[in-house]
C-alpha cells in the first residue's frame, strides 16, 4: 500500500482527534518527511486536511472521504466476508467488476467510486455520476437462483437502499417500481443489475448489482435535464455519511440476498412501493398505455388493471406517474 493510502486509512480511523506527524510516521514506519509528502499528495487529490504545527493532521469535518477503510469501519458481521476496493474515478463500477467476475473474483467483491465517467443506467441510458457527491457501488454475486428469479436481486437491493438511508440519514425514502428510490418526490438512487447466465443449468453464472446514490447535490446543481427529477439524500456535507451509507447498503442487502428466494423482501418492497394505488403510464411493447396499479406480488411483479379492465402482471418494463383526470 502506498504511503498516502495508508495515511488516509489512518486519518479516517482517527477522525475524532489530531494525529501528530511523529505518531503517523511511527504507525506507518516511514519518516515524518514522507508523512508530509503523503499529506500534500492527498490534498492534491481533493482531500481536505487541517494541518497544524502544534497539533498535527486531521480530516476536516466536511471532508466526506469515500474509501475502503471508511466503509469497512461501519460494516457489521451480517454483511459477511467482503473485499472492498474504492477509487476516486472510474469509467463504470459495473464494467470494472464485470472484468473481475470474468477473471474469477469471488462473491462479495465490491468496487465503489466517487465518480464515473461512463456511468450506465437501465435501457442503455447514461447515469450522471459527478465527482464527490454520490456513491457508485457495484457488488459481485454468484447466486444459486434460477434465471427467472433474478429480478428479486434488484428488489432486495432497492429495499436495502431504503433501509440504509433510513438508518444513516434518518430519512424515509420510497420505491418507484422497479428499481428507483425516491425521497421527497425526487429520485435519489438508481439500480442496475446485470447477469451472466449458465445455459446448461438455467441458473445465473454471476450477477453484478450496481447502485448509484445521490448523497449530495453536485456543485453547480443537477444538469437541466435532471433538475426537476433528481434529488439528494442530504442537504449538507457530513464527514462520514458516504462511507456509512455505503456500508449500510451492504449490511442490509447481503442478508436479504442470501435469504432469496425466501425472506421478507417482497413484503418490505410492497410496503415502500409508492405506486400502488396510483394511475401510471406503462411504457413498453412499442407503445404506452394508462393503467391502475393494484399491487406488487410475491415475485415483486407489478399487478395492473388497464383502462379496458384487463388484469396484467408486469415482470419488467418501465412506468411513469403523471397527473391524470379519471
Protein backbone atom coordinates (compact mmCIF):
# COMPACT_ATOMS: atom_id res chain seq x y z
CA UNK A 1 0.00 0.00 0.00
CA UNK A 2 1.32 3.48 -0.93
CA UNK A 3 2.15 5.80 1.97
CA UNK A 4 -0.64 8.22 1.07
CA UNK A 5 -3.23 5.41 1.02
CA UNK A 6 -2.02 4.10 4.36
CA UNK A 7 -2.10 7.62 5.78
CA UNK A 8 -5.64 8.13 4.50
CA UNK A 9 -6.71 4.96 6.34
CA UNK A 10 -5.02 6.26 9.49
CA UNK A 11 -6.76 9.64 9.21
CA UNK A 12 -10.15 8.02 8.59
CA UNK A 13 -9.78 5.82 11.65
CA UNK A 14 -8.76 8.82 13.80
CA UNK A 15 -11.21 11.47 12.63
CA UNK A 16 -12.06 12.49 16.18
CA UNK A 17 -8.56 13.72 17.03
CA UNK A 18 -5.40 15.29 15.66
CA UNK A 19 -2.69 12.90 14.52
CA UNK A 20 0.84 14.17 15.00
CA UNK A 21 3.43 13.74 12.28
CA UNK A 22 5.56 11.75 14.67
CA UNK A 23 2.71 9.39 15.55
CA UNK A 24 1.76 8.92 11.90
CA UNK A 25 5.37 8.24 10.93
CA UNK A 26 5.72 5.63 13.66
CA UNK A 27 2.45 3.92 12.72
CA UNK A 28 3.39 3.77 9.04
CA UNK A 29 7.09 3.01 9.59
CA UNK A 30 8.18 5.97 7.46
CA UNK A 31 9.85 9.32 8.07
CA UNK A 32 7.97 12.47 9.03
CA UNK A 33 9.03 13.92 5.67
CA UNK A 34 7.27 11.01 3.95
CA UNK A 35 4.13 11.73 6.00
CA UNK A 36 4.25 15.40 4.94
CA UNK A 37 4.59 14.40 1.27
CA UNK A 38 1.66 12.00 1.65
CA UNK A 39 -0.49 14.76 3.17
CA UNK A 40 0.31 17.00 0.20
CA UNK A 41 -0.50 14.20 -2.24
CA UNK A 42 -3.88 13.64 -0.58
CA UNK A 43 -4.64 17.36 -0.68
CA UNK A 44 -3.82 17.43 -4.40
CA UNK A 45 -6.38 14.65 -4.87
CA UNK A 46 -9.02 16.83 -3.19
CA UNK A 47 -9.00 15.59 0.41
CA UNK A 48 -9.49 18.46 2.89
CA UNK A 49 -6.93 18.10 5.71
CA UNK A 50 -6.32 20.51 8.58
CA UNK A 51 -2.59 20.72 9.37
CA UNK A 52 -1.17 22.41 12.46
CA UNK A 53 2.45 22.64 13.56
CA UNK A 54 1.46 22.13 17.17
CA UNK A 55 -1.28 19.54 16.79
CA UNK A 56 -0.74 17.54 13.61
CA UNK A 57 -3.19 16.39 10.93
CA UNK A 58 -6.91 15.77 10.84
CA UNK A 59 -9.55 15.37 8.14
CA UNK A 60 -11.88 18.36 8.12
CA UNK A 61 -15.40 17.66 9.43
CA UNK A 62 -16.96 18.28 6.00
CA UNK A 63 -14.42 16.07 4.18
CA UNK A 64 -16.61 13.12 3.25
CA UNK A 65 -13.98 10.64 2.13
CA UNK A 66 -15.20 7.56 0.26
CA UNK A 67 -12.54 4.94 0.91
CA UNK A 68 -12.34 1.25 1.75
CA UNK A 69 -11.19 1.88 5.34
CA UNK A 70 -14.10 4.23 5.93
CA UNK A 71 -16.64 1.74 4.57
CA UNK A 72 -15.15 -1.22 6.45
CA UNK A 73 -15.35 0.79 9.68
CA UNK A 74 -19.16 0.59 9.52
CA UNK A 75 -19.58 -2.96 8.21
CA UNK A 76 -21.28 -5.45 10.53
CA UNK A 77 -20.81 -9.24 10.73
CA UNK A 78 -24.07 -9.88 8.88
CA UNK A 79 -22.54 -8.40 5.71
CA UNK A 80 -20.22 -11.41 5.62
CA UNK A 81 -16.76 -11.65 4.08
CA UNK A 82 -16.24 -8.80 1.62
CA UNK A 83 -13.36 -7.42 -0.41
CA UNK A 84 -13.93 -3.67 -0.77
CA UNK A 85 -11.92 -1.56 -3.19
CA UNK A 86 -12.50 2.15 -3.79
CA UNK A 87 -11.44 4.59 -6.50
CA UNK A 88 -11.69 8.34 -6.92
CA UNK A 89 -12.92 7.96 -10.53
CA UNK A 90 -13.67 5.01 -12.82
CA UNK A 91 -15.41 4.58 -16.15
CA UNK A 92 -18.11 2.39 -14.61
CA UNK A 93 -18.03 0.28 -11.46
CA UNK A 94 -20.22 -2.34 -13.17
CA UNK A 95 -17.87 -2.60 -16.14
CA UNK A 96 -14.82 -2.83 -13.91
CA UNK A 97 -16.43 -5.53 -11.81
CA UNK A 98 -17.52 -7.45 -14.90
CA UNK A 99 -13.85 -7.89 -15.77
CA UNK A 100 -13.18 -9.10 -12.23
CA UNK A 101 -16.06 -11.56 -12.48
CA UNK A 102 -14.73 -12.99 -15.74
CA UNK A 103 -11.33 -13.40 -14.09
CA UNK A 104 -12.89 -15.48 -11.30
CA UNK A 105 -13.22 -12.96 -8.44
CA UNK A 106 -15.40 -14.38 -5.66
CA UNK A 107 -18.81 -13.33 -4.48
CA UNK A 108 -18.54 -10.38 -2.14
CA UNK A 109 -16.10 -8.42 -4.29
CA UNK A 110 -17.17 -4.77 -4.05
CA UNK A 111 -16.00 -1.78 -6.07
CA UNK A 112 -17.02 1.75 -5.10
CA UNK A 113 -16.10 5.06 -6.69
CA UNK A 114 -16.58 8.75 -6.05
CA UNK A 115 -17.24 9.46 -9.73
CA UNK A 116 -17.88 7.66 -13.03
CA UNK A 117 -17.05 8.93 -16.48
CA UNK A 118 -19.30 6.41 -18.24
CA UNK A 119 -21.93 5.51 -15.65
CA UNK A 120 -24.73 3.36 -17.02
CA UNK A 121 -28.41 3.14 -16.20
CA UNK A 122 -31.26 0.95 -17.40
CA UNK A 123 -32.25 0.63 -21.05
CA UNK A 124 -28.84 1.82 -22.24
CA UNK A 125 -29.12 5.24 -20.65
CA UNK A 126 -26.19 7.09 -19.11
CA UNK A 127 -26.11 7.61 -15.34
CA UNK A 128 -24.99 11.04 -14.12
CA UNK A 129 -22.09 10.37 -11.74
CA UNK A 130 -20.38 13.64 -10.72
CA UNK A 131 -17.30 13.88 -8.53
CA UNK A 132 -17.55 13.50 -4.76
CA UNK A 133 -21.30 13.95 -4.41
CA UNK A 134 -22.54 10.37 -4.64
CA UNK A 135 -21.84 6.69 -4.09
CA UNK A 136 -21.34 4.46 -7.13
CA UNK A 137 -21.16 0.93 -5.81
CA UNK A 138 -21.13 -2.48 -7.50
CA UNK A 139 -21.37 -5.88 -5.81
CA UNK A 140 -20.38 -9.19 -7.39
CA UNK A 141 -22.70 -12.10 -6.65
CA UNK A 142 -22.61 -15.75 -7.64
CA UNK A 143 -26.22 -16.69 -6.84
CA UNK A 144 -27.80 -20.11 -6.66
CA UNK A 145 -31.01 -18.81 -8.19
CA UNK A 146 -32.97 -19.85 -11.28
CA UNK A 147 -32.74 -17.23 -14.00
CA UNK A 148 -36.45 -16.43 -13.72
CA UNK A 149 -35.98 -15.30 -10.11
CA UNK A 150 -33.16 -12.86 -10.89
CA UNK A 151 -35.45 -9.83 -10.56
CA UNK A 152 -35.64 -10.50 -6.82
CA UNK A 153 -32.00 -9.42 -6.51
CA UNK A 154 -32.85 -5.93 -7.77
CA UNK A 155 -35.84 -5.62 -5.48
CA UNK A 156 -33.76 -6.74 -2.49
CA UNK A 157 -31.25 -4.01 -3.38
CA UNK A 158 -33.99 -1.37 -3.57
CA UNK A 159 -35.27 -2.31 -0.12
CA UNK A 160 -31.73 -2.31 1.25
CA UNK A 161 -31.06 1.20 -0.09
CA UNK A 162 -34.25 2.46 1.57
CA UNK A 163 -33.27 0.83 4.87
CA UNK A 164 -29.74 2.24 4.59
CA UNK A 165 -30.99 5.80 4.02
CA UNK A 166 -33.40 5.42 6.93
CA UNK A 167 -30.57 4.25 9.19
CA UNK A 168 -27.72 6.53 8.07
CA UNK A 169 -29.63 9.72 7.25
CA UNK A 170 -32.88 9.45 9.21
CA UNK A 171 -34.99 9.97 6.05
CA UNK A 172 -37.96 7.98 4.72
CA UNK A 173 -37.46 7.06 1.04
CA UNK A 174 -39.84 5.06 -1.16
CA UNK A 175 -39.54 2.84 -4.24
CA UNK A 176 -40.84 3.51 -7.73
CA UNK A 177 -41.19 0.14 -9.44
CA UNK A 178 -38.96 -1.43 -10.34
CA UNK A 179 -35.63 -0.08 -9.19
CA UNK A 180 -35.66 3.66 -8.44
CA UNK A 181 -35.56 5.09 -4.92
CA UNK A 182 -37.24 8.43 -4.32
CA UNK A 183 -37.03 10.91 -1.46
CA UNK A 184 -39.35 13.92 -1.14
CA UNK A 185 -40.65 13.29 -4.65
CA UNK A 186 -37.22 13.18 -6.32
CA UNK A 187 -35.07 10.30 -7.49
CA UNK A 188 -32.01 9.77 -5.29
CA UNK A 189 -30.95 6.28 -6.37
CA UNK A 190 -30.92 4.04 -9.42
CA UNK A 191 -30.05 0.34 -9.52
CA UNK A 192 -28.75 -1.65 -12.48
CA UNK A 193 -28.42 -5.43 -12.16
CA UNK A 194 -26.54 -7.25 -14.90
CA UNK A 195 -26.15 -11.01 -15.10
CA UNK A 196 -24.46 -13.80 -16.99
CA UNK A 197 -26.47 -16.99 -17.41
CA UNK A 198 -25.33 -20.60 -17.38
CA UNK A 199 -27.20 -22.09 -20.33
CA UNK A 200 -26.66 -25.67 -19.13
CA UNK A 201 -28.45 -25.42 -15.80
CA UNK A 202 -30.61 -22.33 -16.34
CA UNK A 203 -29.05 -20.55 -13.39
CA UNK A 204 -27.10 -17.36 -13.04
CA UNK A 205 -23.37 -17.62 -13.60
CA UNK A 206 -22.90 -14.34 -11.80
CA UNK A 207 -24.75 -11.11 -11.17
CA UNK A 208 -23.48 -7.60 -10.63
CA UNK A 209 -25.65 -5.15 -8.71
CA UNK A 210 -24.76 -1.54 -9.47
CA UNK A 211 -26.16 1.08 -7.10
CA UNK A 212 -25.84 4.82 -7.64
CA UNK A 213 -26.93 7.16 -4.85
CA UNK A 214 -27.03 10.96 -4.97
CA UNK A 215 -25.83 11.68 -1.44
CA UNK A 216 -25.36 15.43 -2.04
CA UNK A 217 -26.43 17.76 -4.82
CA UNK A 218 -23.43 18.26 -7.14
CA UNK A 219 -21.56 21.53 -7.21
CA UNK A 220 -23.47 23.81 -9.57
CA UNK A 221 -26.62 21.69 -9.29
CA UNK A 222 -28.00 18.90 -11.45
CA UNK A 223 -27.97 19.35 -15.24
CA UNK A 224 -31.07 20.88 -16.79
CA UNK A 225 -32.50 17.56 -17.98
CA UNK A 226 -32.37 16.19 -14.41
CA UNK A 227 -33.12 19.35 -12.42
CA UNK A 228 -36.82 18.57 -12.00
CA UNK A 229 -36.28 14.85 -11.33
CA UNK A 230 -33.11 14.22 -9.32
CA UNK A 231 -32.65 14.90 -5.63
CA UNK A 232 -30.11 14.19 -2.91
CA UNK A 233 -30.16 12.34 0.39
CA UNK A 234 -28.61 15.16 2.42
CA UNK A 235 -28.56 18.94 2.11
CA UNK A 236 -25.23 19.35 3.86
CA UNK A 237 -21.92 17.51 3.77
CA UNK A 238 -21.23 15.26 6.74
CA UNK A 239 -17.79 13.79 7.36
CA UNK A 240 -18.60 10.08 7.12
CA UNK A 241 -22.04 9.96 5.53
CA UNK A 242 -21.00 8.40 2.23
CA UNK A 243 -18.97 5.65 3.90
CA UNK A 244 -21.67 4.99 6.48
CA UNK A 245 -24.36 4.86 3.80
CA UNK A 246 -22.30 2.55 1.56
CA UNK A 247 -21.66 0.21 4.49
CA UNK A 248 -25.32 0.22 5.49
CA UNK A 249 -26.34 -0.72 1.95
CA UNK A 250 -24.02 -3.74 2.17
CA UNK A 251 -25.16 -4.56 5.72
CA UNK A 252 -28.80 -4.57 4.63
CA UNK A 253 -28.56 -6.02 1.13
CA UNK A 254 -26.37 -9.08 1.61
CA UNK A 255 -28.51 -10.81 4.28
CA UNK A 256 -31.59 -10.20 2.12
CA UNK A 257 -29.81 -11.57 -0.94
CA UNK A 258 -28.67 -14.71 0.89
CA UNK A 259 -32.25 -15.40 2.01
CA UNK A 260 -33.61 -15.34 -1.58
CA UNK A 261 -35.94 -16.64 -2.84
CA UNK A 262 -37.23 -16.64 0.75
CA UNK A 263 -37.23 -13.90 3.34
CA UNK A 264 -39.46 -10.87 3.71
CA UNK A 265 -38.17 -8.84 0.74
CA UNK A 266 -41.50 -8.87 -1.19
CA UNK A 267 -43.37 -7.64 1.89
CA UNK A 268 -40.76 -4.95 2.62
CA UNK A 269 -40.74 -3.90 -1.04
CA UNK A 270 -44.53 -3.70 -1.20
CA UNK A 271 -44.58 -1.57 1.96
CA UNK A 272 -42.26 1.00 0.38
CA UNK A 273 -43.60 0.98 -3.20
CA UNK A 274 -45.40 4.29 -3.62
CA UNK A 275 -47.02 3.47 -6.99
CA UNK A 276 -49.53 1.01 -5.51
CA UNK A 277 -52.99 2.54 -5.80
CA UNK A 278 -51.79 5.11 -8.37
CA UNK A 279 -52.60 5.72 -12.02
CA UNK A 280 -49.46 5.26 -14.13
CA UNK A 281 -48.40 5.17 -17.74
CA UNK A 282 -46.81 1.89 -18.80
CA UNK A 283 -44.07 2.12 -21.43
CA UNK A 284 -43.12 -0.90 -23.50
CA UNK A 285 -44.15 -3.21 -26.28
CA UNK A 286 -43.77 -0.46 -28.84
CA UNK A 287 -46.17 1.92 -27.14
CA UNK A 288 -47.59 3.23 -23.91
CA UNK A 289 -50.91 2.98 -22.13
CA UNK A 290 -52.51 4.10 -18.84
CA UNK A 291 -53.17 1.63 -16.05
CA UNK A 292 -54.03 1.46 -12.38
CA UNK A 293 -51.51 -0.25 -10.10
CA UNK A 294 -53.29 -2.77 -7.89
CA UNK A 295 -50.42 -4.50 -6.09
CA UNK A 296 -46.90 -5.92 -6.14
CA UNK A 297 -46.97 -9.72 -5.98
CA UNK A 298 -44.60 -12.06 -4.13
CA UNK A 299 -42.24 -12.12 -7.14
CA UNK A 300 -42.19 -8.30 -6.99
CA UNK A 301 -44.03 -8.13 -10.31
CA UNK A 302 -46.43 -5.23 -10.82
CA UNK A 303 -50.13 -6.10 -10.91
CA UNK A 304 -52.08 -3.59 -13.00
CA UNK A 305 -55.54 -3.06 -14.50
CA UNK A 306 -55.68 -1.43 -17.93
CA UNK A 307 -58.30 1.09 -18.99
CA UNK A 308 -60.44 -1.68 -20.55
CA UNK A 309 -60.40 -3.68 -17.31
CA UNK A 310 -57.79 -6.28 -18.26
CA UNK A 311 -55.58 -7.52 -15.42
CA UNK A 312 -51.91 -7.82 -16.25
CA UNK A 313 -48.75 -8.72 -14.36
CA UNK A 314 -45.56 -6.94 -15.42
CA UNK A 315 -42.24 -8.66 -14.73
CA UNK A 316 -40.18 -5.94 -16.39
CA UNK A 317 -40.59 -2.64 -18.15
CA UNK A 318 -40.94 0.98 -17.17
CA UNK A 319 -43.69 3.14 -15.76
CA UNK A 320 -44.16 6.86 -15.23
CA UNK A 321 -46.57 8.71 -12.99
CA UNK A 322 -48.47 11.64 -14.35
CA UNK A 323 -51.32 13.70 -13.05
CA UNK A 324 -54.33 12.49 -15.00
CA UNK A 325 -58.04 13.02 -14.75
CA UNK A 326 -60.08 9.89 -14.26
